[in-house]
Amino acid sequence: KQAAAATEQAITRGEGATIEWTSETRANVSGKSTATQQTARADGGVCMDVTDVIIVEGEETMVSKRMCRAP
């Protein structure tokens, strides 16, 4: 839940924004979402590349994704 909210906040703030979070329900779980690049689509929509880092008991996992919105 916190990871999804962090991704949405990073997208809203725009390119370069990083939002950190800590799980409210699981101990030793945290992470951050960083909006890395915004691009325009040919149809007028906008895409934002986001890198998520999730840390579970010291083990870090990184996931990149592209979030797009229609015009």
N, C-alpha and C. Protein backbone atom coordinates (compact mmCIF):
# COMPACT_ATOMS: atom_id res chain seq x y z
N LYS A 1 0.83 -1.19 0.00
CA LYS A 1 0.00 0.00 0.00
C LYS A 1 0.88 1.26 0.00
N GLN A 2 1.89 1.27 0.85
CA GLN A 2 2.78 2.44 0.91
C GLN A 2 3.60 2.56 -0.37
N ALA A 3 4.00 1.44 -0.95
CA ALA A 3 4.78 1.47 -2.20
C ALA A 3 3.97 2.07 -3.32
N ALA A 4 2.71 1.70 -3.44
CA ALA A 4 1.84 2.24 -4.49
C ALA A 4 1.63 3.74 -4.30
N ALA A 5 1.45 4.17 -3.06
CA ALA A 5 1.27 5.60 -2.78
C ALA A 5 2.54 6.38 -3.10
N ALA A 6 3.70 5.80 -2.81
CA ALA A 6 4.97 6.47 -3.12
C ALA A 6 5.16 6.62 -4.62
N THR A 7 4.80 5.61 -5.38
CA THR A 7 4.90 5.69 -6.84
C THR A 7 4.01 6.81 -7.37
N GLU A 8 2.79 6.89 -6.89
CA GLU A 8 1.85 7.92 -7.34
C GLU A 8 2.38 9.32 -6.98
N GLN A 9 2.92 9.48 -5.80
CA GLN A 9 3.46 10.79 -5.39
C GLN A 9 4.66 11.17 -6.24
N ALA A 10 5.54 10.22 -6.53
CA ALA A 10 6.71 10.51 -7.36
C ALA A 10 6.29 10.95 -8.76
N ILE A 11 5.31 10.28 -9.33
CA ILE A 11 4.81 10.64 -10.66
C ILE A 11 4.21 12.04 -10.63
N THR A 12 3.44 12.34 -9.60
CA THR A 12 2.80 13.65 -9.47
C THR A 12 3.84 14.77 -9.35
N ARG A 13 4.89 14.53 -8.58
CA ARG A 13 5.93 15.55 -8.40
C ARG A 13 6.81 15.71 -9.63
N GLY A 14 6.96 14.65 -10.41
CA GLY A 14 7.67 14.77 -11.68
C GLY A 14 9.09 14.23 -11.66
N GLU A 15 9.71 14.37 -12.82
CA GLU A 15 11.04 13.83 -13.07
C GLU A 15 12.02 14.22 -11.96
N GLY A 16 12.74 13.23 -11.45
CA GLY A 16 13.73 13.47 -10.41
C GLY A 16 13.21 13.34 -8.99
N ALA A 17 11.91 13.24 -8.81
CA ALA A 17 11.33 13.14 -7.46
C ALA A 17 11.53 11.74 -6.89
N THR A 18 11.92 11.67 -5.62
CA THR A 18 12.06 10.41 -4.91
C THR A 18 11.21 10.46 -3.65
N ILE A 19 10.40 9.43 -3.47
CA ILE A 19 9.54 9.31 -2.29
C ILE A 19 9.93 8.03 -1.56
N GLU A 20 10.30 8.17 -0.28
CA GLU A 20 10.65 7.01 0.54
C GLU A 20 9.45 6.58 1.39
N TRP A 21 9.39 5.30 1.71
CA TRP A 21 8.29 4.78 2.50
C TRP A 21 8.79 3.67 3.42
N THR A 22 8.01 3.41 4.46
CA THR A 22 8.26 2.31 5.39
C THR A 22 6.93 1.61 5.63
N SER A 23 6.94 0.29 5.57
CA SER A 23 5.72 -0.47 5.77
C SER A 23 5.13 -0.24 7.15
N GLU A 24 3.84 -0.04 7.19
CA GLU A 24 3.14 0.13 8.46
C GLU A 24 2.74 -1.20 9.07
N THR A 25 2.80 -2.28 8.27
CA THR A 25 2.32 -3.57 8.74
C THR A 25 3.39 -4.65 8.81
N ARG A 26 4.53 -4.45 8.13
CA ARG A 26 5.59 -5.46 8.13
C ARG A 26 6.90 -4.86 8.63
N ALA A 27 7.48 -5.49 9.63
CA ALA A 27 8.76 -5.03 10.15
C ALA A 27 9.87 -5.23 9.13
N ASN A 28 10.83 -4.35 9.12
CA ASN A 28 12.01 -4.46 8.26
C ASN A 28 11.69 -4.43 6.77
N VAL A 29 10.63 -3.71 6.39
CA VAL A 29 10.28 -3.55 4.98
C VAL A 29 10.16 -2.07 4.69
N SER A 30 10.91 -1.60 3.68
CA SER A 30 10.88 -0.19 3.30
C SER A 30 11.27 -0.08 1.83
N GLY A 31 11.31 1.14 1.33
CA GLY A 31 11.72 1.33 -0.05
C GLY A 31 11.58 2.76 -0.49
N LYS A 32 11.74 2.95 -1.79
CA LYS A 32 11.58 4.28 -2.37
C LYS A 32 11.19 4.15 -3.83
N SER A 33 10.51 5.17 -4.33
CA SER A 33 10.14 5.27 -5.74
C SER A 33 10.73 6.55 -6.29
N THR A 34 11.37 6.45 -7.46
CA THR A 34 11.98 7.60 -8.10
C THR A 34 11.44 7.74 -9.51
N ALA A 35 10.89 8.92 -9.83
CA ALA A 35 10.45 9.23 -11.19
C ALA A 35 11.70 9.63 -11.97
N THR A 36 12.07 8.84 -12.97
CA THR A 36 13.35 9.05 -13.63
C THR A 36 13.28 9.80 -14.95
N GLN A 37 12.22 9.59 -15.74
CA GLN A 37 12.14 10.27 -17.03
C GLN A 37 10.70 10.36 -17.50
N GLN A 38 10.32 11.53 -18.00
CA GLN A 38 8.99 11.73 -18.55
C GLN A 38 9.10 11.86 -20.06
N THR A 39 8.20 11.19 -20.78
CA THR A 39 8.18 11.28 -22.24
C THR A 39 6.75 11.48 -22.71
N ALA A 40 6.62 12.18 -23.84
CA ALA A 40 5.31 12.41 -24.44
C ALA A 40 5.05 11.33 -25.49
N ARG A 41 3.82 10.88 -25.56
CA ARG A 41 3.42 9.90 -26.58
C ARG A 41 2.84 10.63 -27.78
N ALA A 42 2.82 9.97 -28.90
CA ALA A 42 2.30 10.56 -30.13
C ALA A 42 0.82 10.93 -30.02
N ASP A 43 0.06 10.19 -29.18
CA ASP A 43 -1.37 10.46 -29.05
C ASP A 43 -1.67 11.58 -28.04
N GLY A 44 -0.63 12.20 -27.49
CA GLY A 44 -0.83 13.28 -26.53
C GLY A 44 -0.74 12.84 -25.08
N GLY A 45 -0.62 11.55 -24.85
CA GLY A 45 -0.48 11.05 -23.49
C GLY A 45 0.93 11.28 -22.98
N VAL A 46 1.13 11.00 -21.71
CA VAL A 46 2.44 11.19 -21.08
C VAL A 46 2.82 9.90 -20.34
N CYS A 47 4.10 9.52 -20.46
CA CYS A 47 4.61 8.37 -19.73
C CYS A 47 5.72 8.82 -18.79
N MET A 48 5.81 8.16 -17.65
CA MET A 48 6.87 8.44 -16.68
C MET A 48 7.53 7.11 -16.35
N ASP A 49 8.86 7.07 -16.47
CA ASP A 49 9.61 5.89 -16.05
C ASP A 49 9.85 6.03 -14.55
N VAL A 50 9.64 4.95 -13.82
CA VAL A 50 9.78 4.95 -12.37
C VAL A 50 10.66 3.77 -11.96
N THR A 51 11.58 4.04 -11.03
CA THR A 51 12.40 2.98 -10.46
C THR A 51 12.00 2.80 -9.01
N ASP A 52 11.59 1.58 -8.68
CA ASP A 52 11.21 1.25 -7.30
C ASP A 52 12.32 0.41 -6.68
N VAL A 53 12.69 0.75 -5.46
CA VAL A 53 13.62 -0.04 -4.67
C VAL A 53 12.87 -0.52 -3.45
N ILE A 54 12.87 -1.83 -3.24
CA ILE A 54 12.18 -2.42 -2.09
C ILE A 54 13.22 -3.16 -1.26
N ILE A 55 13.22 -2.91 0.04
CA ILE A 55 14.19 -3.53 0.94
C ILE A 55 13.42 -4.36 1.96
N VAL A 56 13.68 -5.66 1.94
CA VAL A 56 13.04 -6.59 2.88
C VAL A 56 14.16 -7.25 3.68
N GLU A 57 14.19 -6.94 4.98
CA GLU A 57 15.19 -7.48 5.90
C GLU A 57 16.60 -7.34 5.33
N GLY A 58 16.91 -6.16 4.80
CA GLY A 58 18.25 -5.85 4.30
C GLY A 58 18.51 -6.26 2.87
N GLU A 59 17.63 -7.04 2.25
CA GLU A 59 17.82 -7.47 0.87
C GLU A 59 17.08 -6.51 -0.06
N GLU A 60 17.83 -5.90 -0.98
CA GLU A 60 17.30 -4.87 -1.87
C GLU A 60 16.93 -5.44 -3.23
N THR A 61 15.75 -5.05 -3.71
CA THR A 61 15.30 -5.44 -5.04
C THR A 61 14.91 -4.17 -5.78
N MET A 62 15.36 -4.05 -7.05
CA MET A 62 15.06 -2.87 -7.85
C MET A 62 14.20 -3.28 -9.05
N VAL A 63 13.15 -2.50 -9.29
CA VAL A 63 12.24 -2.76 -10.40
C VAL A 63 12.01 -1.46 -11.15
N SER A 64 12.14 -1.50 -12.47
CA SER A 64 11.84 -0.34 -13.31
C SER A 64 10.52 -0.58 -14.01
N LYS A 65 9.74 0.50 -14.13
CA LYS A 65 8.44 0.36 -14.81
C LYS A 65 8.11 1.67 -15.50
N ARG A 66 7.18 1.60 -16.45
CA ARG A 66 6.71 2.78 -17.18
C ARG A 66 5.22 2.93 -16.90
N MET A 67 4.86 4.11 -16.40
CA MET A 67 3.47 4.43 -16.09
C MET A 67 3.00 5.46 -17.12
N CYS A 68 1.89 5.17 -17.80
CA CYS A 68 1.41 6.07 -18.85
C CYS A 68 -0.02 6.53 -18.55
N ARG A 69 -0.30 7.77 -18.96
CA ARG A 69 -1.64 8.35 -18.83
C ARG A 69 -2.12 8.79 -20.20
N ALA A 70 -3.38 8.53 -20.47
CA ALA A 70 -3.98 8.93 -21.74
C ALA A 70 -4.13 10.46 -21.77
N PRO A 71 -4.23 11.01 -22.97
CA PRO A 71 -4.40 12.49 -23.06
C PRO A 71 -5.70 12.96 -22.42
